[in-house]
Every structure is written in C-alpha cells, then in structure tokens.
Amino acid sequence: MTEFSSAVLFGVLGEHLAALIAPINGEAALGALCGALVYFTTTQNLPMWNRLAFFLTSAVMGYLCAPAITDFQLHGIHPFAYPGPAGFAGAGLVVTLMLAAIRRRTGALRDKPPGDRDA
C-alpha cells in the first residue's frame, strides 16, 4: 500500500472505531468489570472455565443492568445515583442470584417424586 492509501484506510478505521466506542458508558463499564473481577477472584473453588464464563456473564450483565439499578428508588431515595457503583453491584448480583435460583430449582426437583416433575 502506498502511504496515502494507508493513511486514508487508518483514518476511516479510526473514525468508525470512535463512532462505535462513543455510546459506551465508561463509568458503568468500569464498575461492571470491577464487580466481575471481584466475583472472579472470590470463587477460587470453581474450575477456571466456570470462573471465566461467570466473569464474562457478570461483566456484560452488570453493564446492561446499570441503567435499571441507577433508576431504582427505595422510598424516594436513589441508593445508586451513579452508573459506576450500579454496574459494580449489578455485576456482583447477577451471577449470584441466578446460581441461587438454579440451585433452588434443582433442589425442588430433587425433592419431588419422578412422576410429579414438570421439567
């Protein structure tokens, strides 16, 4: 490639990359990544592939749940007024709540006789 065409190519790529990154909320993303990292480091009894899957799930869902957690009100008080702490809390809660729900569901299935199961 000539210098001119490579400069044009990198200019266009840089412009499109900036357009893709612009709508990302940096505070919520950083909070979600920190919350997912805390979850990753505290679950050392799980295999590495489980921890990585939970890390990714926690980070993505923490980021996606941050706006809803930020809008949450409890008796007129916003416990999380900023998206960073909301992403952190969301990342910590998402996998924990889902694992508790799954364990509760499988425990309930184990308690029923085989003919009464709906799954």
Protein backbone atom coordinates (compact mmCIF):
# COMPACT_ATOMS: atom_id res chain seq x y z
CA MET A 1 0.00 0.00 0.00
CA THR A 2 1.12 3.49 -0.65
CA GLU A 3 1.43 5.99 2.16
CA PHE A 4 -1.65 7.90 1.02
CA SER A 5 -3.95 4.88 0.83
CA SER A 6 -2.78 3.51 4.19
CA ALA A 7 -3.33 6.91 5.81
CA VAL A 8 -6.86 7.06 4.37
CA LEU A 9 -7.57 3.49 5.49
CA PHE A 10 -6.40 4.12 9.06
CA GLY A 11 -8.29 7.41 9.15
CA VAL A 12 -11.53 5.71 8.12
CA LEU A 13 -10.97 2.83 10.57
CA GLY A 14 -10.23 5.26 13.39
CA GLU A 15 -13.36 7.25 12.63
CA HIS A 16 -15.56 4.14 12.67
CA LEU A 17 -13.91 2.83 15.83
CA ALA A 18 -14.56 6.14 17.58
CA ALA A 19 -18.18 6.02 16.46
CA LEU A 20 -18.55 2.51 17.91
CA ILE A 21 -16.96 3.39 21.25
CA ALA A 22 -18.75 6.71 21.77
CA PRO A 23 -22.09 5.39 23.09
CA ILE A 24 -20.43 3.16 25.73
CA ASN A 25 -20.87 4.44 29.27
CA GLY A 26 -17.36 4.25 30.68
CA GLU A 27 -18.38 4.51 34.32
CA ALA A 28 -20.86 1.64 34.08
CA ALA A 29 -18.39 -0.48 32.09
CA LEU A 30 -15.60 0.06 34.62
CA GLY A 31 -17.92 -0.65 37.55
CA ALA A 32 -19.18 -3.83 35.92
CA LEU A 33 -15.65 -5.03 35.15
CA CYS A 34 -14.54 -4.36 38.72
CA GLY A 35 -17.56 -6.20 40.11
CA ALA A 36 -16.91 -9.13 37.78
CA LEU A 37 -13.25 -9.17 38.82
CA VAL A 38 -14.21 -9.33 42.49
CA TYR A 39 -16.56 -12.21 41.71
CA PHE A 40 -13.81 -13.94 39.70
CA THR A 41 -11.23 -13.67 42.49
CA THR A 42 -13.55 -14.84 45.27
CA THR A 43 -14.77 -18.04 43.57
CA GLN A 44 -11.49 -19.93 43.63
CA ASN A 45 -13.17 -23.27 44.39
CA LEU A 46 -14.67 -23.40 40.86
CA PRO A 47 -12.82 -24.61 37.75
CA MET A 48 -11.17 -21.93 35.62
CA TRP A 49 -13.58 -22.27 32.69
CA ASN A 50 -16.54 -21.73 35.07
CA ARG A 51 -14.87 -18.69 36.59
CA LEU A 52 -14.18 -17.20 33.14
CA ALA A 53 -17.74 -17.81 31.99
CA PHE A 54 -19.11 -16.24 35.17
CA PHE A 55 -16.68 -13.31 34.77
CA LEU A 56 -17.90 -12.57 31.25
CA THR A 57 -21.56 -13.04 32.17
CA SER A 58 -21.17 -10.87 35.24
CA ALA A 59 -19.37 -8.09 33.36
CA VAL A 60 -21.83 -7.95 30.46
CA MET A 61 -24.97 -8.21 32.57
CA GLY A 62 -23.62 -5.79 35.17
CA TYR A 63 -23.11 -3.23 32.41
CA LEU A 64 -26.56 -3.88 30.95
CA CYS A 65 -28.28 -3.70 34.34
CA ALA A 66 -26.54 -0.50 35.45
CA PRO A 67 -29.18 1.89 34.00
CA ALA A 68 -32.01 -0.02 35.68
CA ILE A 69 -30.18 -0.08 39.01
CA THR A 70 -29.42 3.64 38.69
CA ASP A 71 -33.13 4.39 38.14
CA PHE A 72 -34.17 2.25 41.14
CA GLN A 73 -35.83 4.16 44.00
CA LEU A 74 -36.46 2.97 47.53
CA HIS A 75 -38.91 5.27 49.34
CA GLY A 76 -37.79 8.18 47.16
CA ILE A 77 -34.08 7.54 47.73
CA HIS A 78 -31.70 6.51 44.94
CA PRO A 79 -29.25 4.03 46.54
CA PHE A 80 -27.12 4.13 43.39
CA ALA A 81 -27.04 7.61 41.92
CA TYR A 82 -24.07 6.93 39.61
CA PRO A 83 -23.63 4.23 36.96
CA GLY A 84 -20.24 3.03 38.24
CA PRO A 85 -21.41 1.68 41.59
CA ALA A 86 -24.62 0.44 39.94
CA GLY A 87 -22.58 -1.59 37.43
CA PHE A 88 -20.42 -2.92 40.27
CA ALA A 89 -23.48 -4.04 42.27
CA GLY A 90 -25.16 -5.47 39.18
CA ALA A 91 -22.09 -7.49 38.26
CA GLY A 92 -21.91 -8.93 41.75
CA LEU A 93 -25.60 -9.75 41.98
CA VAL A 94 -26.40 -11.19 38.54
CA VAL A 95 -24.48 -14.46 38.73
CA THR A 96 -25.09 -14.88 42.46
CA LEU A 97 -28.86 -14.57 42.11
CA MET A 98 -29.02 -16.80 39.05
CA LEU A 99 -26.95 -19.54 40.70
CA ALA A 100 -29.16 -19.36 43.79
CA ALA A 101 -32.28 -19.65 41.63
CA ILE A 102 -30.84 -22.60 39.70
CA ARG A 103 -29.79 -24.39 42.89
CA ARG A 104 -33.20 -23.78 44.43
CA ARG A 105 -34.93 -25.08 41.31
CA THR A 106 -32.79 -28.23 41.08
CA GLY A 107 -33.24 -28.78 44.82
CA ALA A 108 -37.00 -28.54 44.42
CA LEU A 109 -36.87 -31.05 41.55
CA ARG A 110 -34.86 -33.49 43.65
CA ASP A 111 -37.45 -33.35 46.42
CA LYS A 112 -40.37 -34.31 44.13
CA PRO A 113 -41.13 -37.86 43.10
CA PRO A 114 -40.26 -38.64 39.43
CA GLY A 115 -43.90 -38.59 38.28
CA ASP A 116 -44.54 -35.05 39.61
CA ARG A 117 -41.70 -33.27 37.79
CA ASP A 118 -42.68 -30.71 35.19
CA ALA A 119 -39.25 -30.43 33.58
